[in-house]
Amino acid sequence: MLTLTYEYKLIPNKPQISVIEQTLKVCRSVWNYALRERKDWLKSRKSPVNACSLEQEYIIPCDVPYPNYHNQAKALTKAKKTNERLKSVNAQVLQQVLRTLDRAFADMQSKKLGFPRFKNKYRMRSYVYPQMLKDCVKGNQIKLPQIGWVKFRKSRDIPDGFEIKQARIVRRASGYFAMLSIQLNVNIPEVKFKGHPLGIDLGLDKFLATSDGELVDRPRFLDQLQSKRKLLQRRLRNKKKGSNNRDKLNQKIARLHQKISDTRKDWHFKLAHHLCDQGKSIFIEDIDFRSWGRGMLSK
């Protein structure tokens, strides 16, 4: 099974934007409610009997089971019958929110990651349609559940034989994007090393060095726009929290960061294409780059 992810920029109209924003709001409410339910249950099981507050204490009965995904999904189904906000959003989208939260708790225990956090309106930026229709793409339009046909910039065609399995709608500073997961039922052959080998070594002074003697300088995308970023952030200090001017300035800062990210990503893709042209087999050292990002040289 071959799975690829294609990214397209959506061009929604105002009613479609309002539906997307409403879906994000409801997803955020479901996430925060489910996370609070789990935290309260865990807190009630950790507190000793002789350490309860003398004024008040939120007590969960001992026979109440742990609110895992299955229990919360059942409660969500019951709540959708009476809650109009939950009725307005696709049921599978809300179930995916609970699955993501359940996966975050599993990663916290297995991968030693941090505790899941509550999300405000800036942190909830995407949601998933886990199932898509077979003929959901026609020309430069895609049919999304409860939204209808939405125009998008068809930067590249979907290869023949691939089926669209799911779609993730992402809100960014420059607009809305659709991340389409496409699959092809084919056996992937085992790759054999052949041709000219090329070794790559990453560094701090130089971005990388190859075994053929090529040195690639490190680009300074952040440094080029550092002064503009500092100016905008200094202006942000004087803006009142919750005001429209503060939100507009936050959007400017977000667009600047996305410009830096897009420029860096474009450079990475072009460099990868260049390296693939140089060697038939590429070898690179196994490094955990997350530790690099936490150091003083992370920028």
Protein backbone atom coordinates (compact mmCIF):
# COMPACT_ATOMS: atom_id res chain seq x y z
CA MET A 1 0.00 0.00 0.00
CA LEU A 2 1.46 3.34 -1.11
CA THR A 3 0.21 6.42 0.77
CA LEU A 4 0.98 10.00 -0.24
CA THR A 5 -0.16 13.40 1.01
CA TYR A 6 -0.98 16.19 -1.44
CA GLU A 7 -1.51 19.76 -0.28
CA TYR A 8 -3.82 22.23 -2.03
CA LYS A 9 -4.86 25.75 -1.14
CA LEU A 10 -8.61 26.19 -0.83
CA ILE A 11 -10.52 29.19 -2.20
CA PRO A 12 -13.71 29.15 -0.09
CA ASN A 13 -16.40 31.81 -0.19
CA LYS A 14 -17.70 33.59 2.92
CA PRO A 15 -20.45 31.05 3.83
CA GLN A 16 -17.93 28.21 3.48
CA ILE A 17 -15.41 30.06 5.64
CA SER A 18 -18.04 30.49 8.35
CA VAL A 19 -18.74 26.72 8.28
CA ILE A 20 -15.02 25.92 8.59
CA GLU A 21 -14.60 28.36 11.49
CA GLN A 22 -17.70 26.98 13.22
CA THR A 23 -16.32 23.45 12.86
CA LEU A 24 -13.02 24.52 14.41
CA LYS A 25 -14.86 26.13 17.34
CA VAL A 26 -16.91 23.01 18.05
CA CYS A 27 -13.83 20.78 17.72
CA ARG A 28 -12.02 22.99 20.22
CA SER A 29 -14.94 22.74 22.67
CA VAL A 30 -15.01 18.94 22.36
CA TRP A 31 -11.23 18.72 22.88
CA ASN A 32 -11.25 20.95 25.97
CA TYR A 33 -14.27 19.20 27.50
CA ALA A 34 -12.82 15.72 26.94
CA LEU A 35 -9.42 16.77 28.27
CA ARG A 36 -10.98 18.34 31.38
CA GLU A 37 -12.99 15.15 31.97
CA ARG A 38 -9.84 13.04 31.86
CA LYS A 39 -7.85 15.40 34.07
CA ASP A 40 -10.61 15.52 36.69
CA TRP A 41 -10.82 11.73 36.76
CA LEU A 42 -7.04 11.36 37.18
CA LYS A 43 -6.94 14.06 39.84
CA SER A 44 -9.69 12.39 41.86
CA ARG A 45 -7.71 9.13 41.88
CA LYS A 46 -4.41 10.71 42.93
CA SER A 47 -5.53 12.72 45.96
CA PRO A 48 -5.19 10.87 49.31
CA VAL A 49 -8.28 10.62 51.50
CA ASN A 50 -6.68 12.61 54.33
CA ALA A 51 -5.53 15.42 51.99
CA CYS A 52 -8.91 16.66 50.74
CA SER A 53 -9.75 20.33 51.00
CA LEU A 54 -11.78 21.38 54.06
CA GLU A 55 -13.81 23.86 52.00
CA GLN A 56 -14.79 21.94 48.88
CA GLU A 57 -13.62 19.04 46.77
CA TYR A 58 -14.78 17.76 43.38
CA ILE A 59 -15.31 14.05 44.00
CA ILE A 60 -15.91 11.50 41.27
CA PRO A 61 -17.52 8.27 42.52
CA CYS A 62 -15.22 5.27 42.60
CA ASP A 63 -17.45 3.22 40.29
CA VAL A 64 -17.17 5.76 37.43
CA PRO A 65 -14.91 4.23 34.74
CA TYR A 66 -11.96 6.02 33.18
CA PRO A 67 -13.16 8.30 30.33
CA ASN A 68 -11.28 6.59 27.51
CA TYR A 69 -12.07 7.02 23.82
CA HIS A 70 -14.94 4.52 23.75
CA ASN A 71 -16.71 5.98 26.80
CA GLN A 72 -16.31 9.54 25.55
CA ALA A 73 -17.49 8.58 22.05
CA LYS A 74 -20.67 7.10 23.55
CA ALA A 75 -21.23 10.24 25.61
CA LEU A 76 -20.67 12.36 22.49
CA THR A 77 -23.35 10.42 20.60
CA LYS A 78 -25.85 11.07 23.39
CA ALA A 79 -24.91 14.75 23.61
CA LYS A 80 -25.44 15.25 19.85
CA LYS A 81 -29.13 14.43 20.29
CA THR A 82 -29.74 17.48 22.50
CA ASN A 83 -26.89 19.90 21.70
CA GLU A 84 -27.47 21.98 18.56
CA ARG A 85 -23.81 23.02 18.26
CA LEU A 86 -22.69 19.40 18.13
CA LYS A 87 -25.41 18.58 15.59
CA SER A 88 -24.02 21.20 13.21
CA VAL A 89 -20.70 19.35 12.79
CA ASN A 90 -20.01 16.03 11.09
CA ALA A 91 -20.00 13.20 13.66
CA GLN A 92 -16.82 11.60 12.29
CA VAL A 93 -14.96 14.90 12.60
CA LEU A 94 -15.75 15.08 16.32
CA GLN A 95 -14.81 11.43 16.78
CA GLN A 96 -11.43 12.16 15.21
CA VAL A 97 -10.89 14.87 17.84
CA LEU A 98 -11.41 12.26 20.57
CA ARG A 99 -9.08 9.84 18.76
CA THR A 100 -6.39 12.51 18.58
CA LEU A 101 -6.74 13.19 22.31
CA ASP A 102 -6.56 9.47 23.08
CA ARG A 103 -3.43 9.18 20.92
CA ALA A 104 -1.89 12.15 22.77
CA PHE A 105 -2.35 10.36 26.11
CA ALA A 106 -0.87 7.17 24.66
CA ASP A 107 2.17 9.09 23.34
CA MET A 108 2.57 10.76 26.73
CA GLN A 109 3.04 7.36 28.35
CA SER A 110 4.96 5.53 25.62
CA LYS A 111 7.11 8.32 24.17
CA LYS A 112 7.41 10.34 27.41
CA LEU A 113 5.86 13.42 25.82
CA GLY A 114 4.22 16.28 27.69
CA PHE A 115 0.69 16.31 29.07
CA PRO A 116 -1.96 17.35 26.50
CA ARG A 117 -2.88 21.02 26.79
CA PHE A 118 -6.10 22.94 26.43
CA LYS A 119 -6.55 24.76 23.13
CA ASN A 120 -7.59 28.35 22.58
CA LYS A 121 -8.84 29.72 19.28
CA TYR A 122 -5.27 30.08 17.98
CA ARG A 123 -4.13 26.54 18.82
CA MET A 124 -6.97 24.60 17.18
CA ARG A 125 -6.04 25.00 13.52
CA SER A 126 -7.16 21.80 11.78
CA TYR A 127 -9.67 18.98 11.69
CA VAL A 128 -10.00 15.74 9.73
CA TYR A 129 -12.62 14.17 7.47
CA PRO A 130 -11.70 10.47 7.89
CA GLN A 131 -13.80 9.30 4.93
CA MET A 132 -14.23 10.88 1.51
CA LEU A 133 -16.41 10.02 -1.47
CA LYS A 134 -14.82 8.39 -4.50
CA ASP A 135 -15.68 11.22 -6.90
CA CYS A 136 -15.08 14.08 -4.47
CA VAL A 137 -12.70 15.92 -6.82
CA LYS A 138 -13.87 17.34 -10.15
CA GLY A 139 -11.64 19.79 -11.96
CA ASN A 140 -10.55 22.44 -9.49
CA GLN A 141 -13.28 21.69 -6.94
CA ILE A 142 -13.48 19.29 -4.00
CA LYS A 143 -16.65 18.19 -2.22
CA LEU A 144 -16.36 18.37 1.58
CA PRO A 145 -19.06 17.04 3.95
CA GLN A 146 -21.51 19.73 5.14
CA ILE A 147 -19.64 22.37 3.10
CA GLY A 148 -20.22 21.29 -0.48
CA TRP A 149 -18.06 21.99 -3.50
CA VAL A 150 -15.08 24.19 -2.65
CA LYS A 151 -12.69 25.63 -5.22
CA PHE A 152 -8.96 25.03 -4.80
CA ARG A 153 -5.74 25.78 -6.62
CA LYS A 154 -4.91 22.61 -8.47
CA SER A 155 -1.14 22.91 -8.33
CA ARG A 156 -0.73 19.30 -9.49
CA ASP A 157 -2.93 16.44 -10.64
CA ILE A 158 -3.70 13.41 -8.52
CA PRO A 159 -1.97 10.39 -10.15
CA ASP A 160 -4.11 7.79 -11.87
CA GLY A 161 -5.16 4.86 -9.70
CA PHE A 162 -4.92 6.73 -6.39
CA GLU A 163 -7.98 7.07 -4.16
CA ILE A 164 -8.60 9.92 -1.71
CA LYS A 165 -8.99 8.34 1.71
CA GLN A 166 -9.19 11.35 4.02
CA ALA A 167 -8.81 15.12 4.05
CA ARG A 168 -7.42 17.43 6.71
CA ILE A 169 -8.54 21.06 6.60
CA VAL A 170 -5.83 23.38 7.93
CA ARG A 171 -6.13 27.07 8.75
CA ARG A 172 -2.94 29.08 8.29
CA ALA A 173 -2.04 32.73 8.19
CA SER A 174 -2.29 32.79 4.39
CA GLY A 175 -5.62 30.97 4.12
CA TYR A 176 -7.13 27.49 4.25
CA PHE A 177 -5.49 24.35 2.92
CA ALA A 178 -6.60 20.77 2.25
CA MET A 179 -4.17 17.94 3.01
CA LEU A 180 -5.40 14.98 0.97
CA SER A 181 -4.22 11.47 1.89
CA ILE A 182 -4.23 9.35 -1.26
CA GLN A 183 -3.57 5.60 -1.47
CA LEU A 184 -2.70 3.12 -4.18
CA ASN A 185 -3.09 -0.62 -3.63
CA VAL A 186 0.30 -1.76 -4.89
CA ASN A 187 3.17 -3.77 -3.46
CA ILE A 188 6.21 -1.57 -2.86
CA PRO A 189 9.36 -3.34 -4.09
CA GLU A 190 12.40 -3.66 -1.87
CA VAL A 191 14.96 -0.97 -2.64
CA LYS A 192 18.45 -2.16 -3.54
CA PHE A 193 21.48 0.10 -3.32
CA LYS A 194 23.14 0.66 -6.66
CA GLY A 195 24.94 3.33 -8.63
CA HIS A 196 27.06 6.17 -7.30
CA PRO A 197 26.83 6.40 -3.45
CA LEU A 198 26.61 9.83 -1.84
CA GLY A 199 27.22 10.43 1.86
CA ILE A 200 25.80 13.48 3.66
CA ASP A 201 27.04 15.00 6.92
CA LEU A 202 25.06 17.80 8.57
CA GLY A 203 26.76 20.56 10.53
CA LEU A 204 26.32 23.92 12.24
CA ASP A 205 28.66 26.21 10.30
CA LYS A 206 27.74 24.64 6.96
CA PHE A 207 24.33 23.16 6.36
CA LEU A 208 25.79 19.94 4.97
CA ALA A 209 28.86 18.43 3.37
CA THR A 210 28.79 15.60 0.85
CA SER A 211 31.29 12.83 0.26
CA ASP A 212 32.01 14.37 -3.17
CA GLY A 213 33.45 17.47 -1.47
CA GLU A 214 30.46 19.78 -1.94
CA LEU A 215 29.75 22.26 0.88
CA VAL A 216 26.31 23.83 1.18
CA ASP A 217 26.08 27.11 3.09
CA ARG A 218 23.45 27.49 5.75
CA PRO A 219 20.67 29.88 4.67
CA ARG A 220 19.63 32.57 7.13
CA PHE A 221 15.94 32.94 6.39
CA LEU A 222 15.10 34.07 9.93
CA ASP A 223 17.97 36.57 10.12
CA GLN A 224 16.87 38.27 6.91
CA LEU A 225 13.50 39.21 8.42
CA GLN A 226 14.60 39.45 12.06
CA SER A 227 14.40 43.25 12.23
CA LYS A 228 10.88 43.31 10.80
CA ARG A 229 9.77 40.58 13.19
CA LYS A 230 11.17 42.45 16.21
CA LEU A 231 9.45 45.66 15.10
CA LEU A 232 6.07 43.94 14.87
CA GLN A 233 6.51 42.22 18.22
CA ARG A 234 7.42 45.52 19.89
CA ARG A 235 4.22 47.02 18.53
CA LEU A 236 2.29 44.05 19.88
CA ARG A 237 3.22 44.96 23.46
CA ASN A 238 1.28 48.22 23.25
CA LYS A 239 -1.90 46.63 21.91
CA LYS A 240 -4.73 45.84 24.30
CA LYS A 241 -5.46 42.15 24.71
CA GLY A 242 -8.64 41.12 22.94
CA SER A 243 -8.72 44.20 20.68
CA ASN A 244 -9.13 44.05 16.91
CA ASN A 245 -5.83 45.86 16.37
CA ARG A 246 -4.01 43.20 18.38
CA ASP A 247 -5.62 40.45 16.30
CA LYS A 248 -4.64 42.20 13.06
CA LEU A 249 -1.05 42.56 14.24
CA ASN A 250 -0.98 38.91 15.29
CA GLN A 251 -2.06 37.98 11.78
CA LYS A 252 0.79 40.05 10.32
CA ILE A 253 3.30 38.28 12.56
CA ALA A 254 1.83 34.90 11.64
CA ARG A 255 2.07 35.69 7.91
CA LEU A 256 5.70 36.70 8.39
CA HIS A 257 6.51 33.43 10.15
CA GLN A 258 4.72 31.48 7.43
CA LYS A 259 6.75 33.30 4.78
CA ILE A 260 9.92 32.20 6.57
CA SER A 261 8.62 28.63 6.85
CA ASP A 262 7.55 28.45 3.19
CA THR A 263 10.88 29.84 2.00
CA ARG A 264 12.80 27.34 4.11
CA LYS A 265 10.62 24.44 2.92
CA ASP A 266 11.07 25.44 -0.73
CA TRP A 267 14.84 25.58 -0.26
CA HIS A 268 14.85 22.13 1.39
CA PHE A 269 12.90 20.59 -1.50
CA LYS A 270 15.19 22.11 -4.11
CA LEU A 271 18.28 20.94 -2.21
CA ALA A 272 16.85 17.41 -1.90
CA HIS A 273 16.17 17.37 -5.64
CA HIS A 274 19.75 18.47 -6.29
CA LEU A 275 21.18 15.75 -4.04
CA CYS A 276 19.06 13.08 -5.71
CA ASP A 277 20.50 14.12 -9.07
CA GLN A 278 24.06 13.79 -7.73
CA GLY A 279 23.89 10.23 -6.38
CA LYS A 280 21.90 7.07 -6.96
CA SER A 281 22.21 5.93 -3.32
CA ILE A 282 22.25 8.46 -0.48
CA PHE A 283 23.51 7.74 3.04
CA ILE A 284 22.90 10.07 5.97
CA GLU A 285 23.66 9.77 9.68
CA ASP A 286 20.84 8.99 12.09
CA ILE A 287 20.45 12.14 14.24
CA ASP A 288 17.66 13.26 16.53
CA PHE A 289 17.22 16.83 15.31
CA ARG A 290 14.82 17.66 18.13
CA SER A 291 17.78 18.02 20.47
CA TRP A 292 19.34 20.51 18.05
CA GLY A 293 16.21 22.64 18.16
CA ARG A 294 16.42 22.95 21.95
CA GLY A 295 19.99 24.26 21.99
CA MET A 296 21.28 27.82 21.92
CA LEU A 297 22.06 27.43 18.20
CA SER A 298 18.51 26.39 17.30
CA LYS A 299 17.89 29.48 15.16
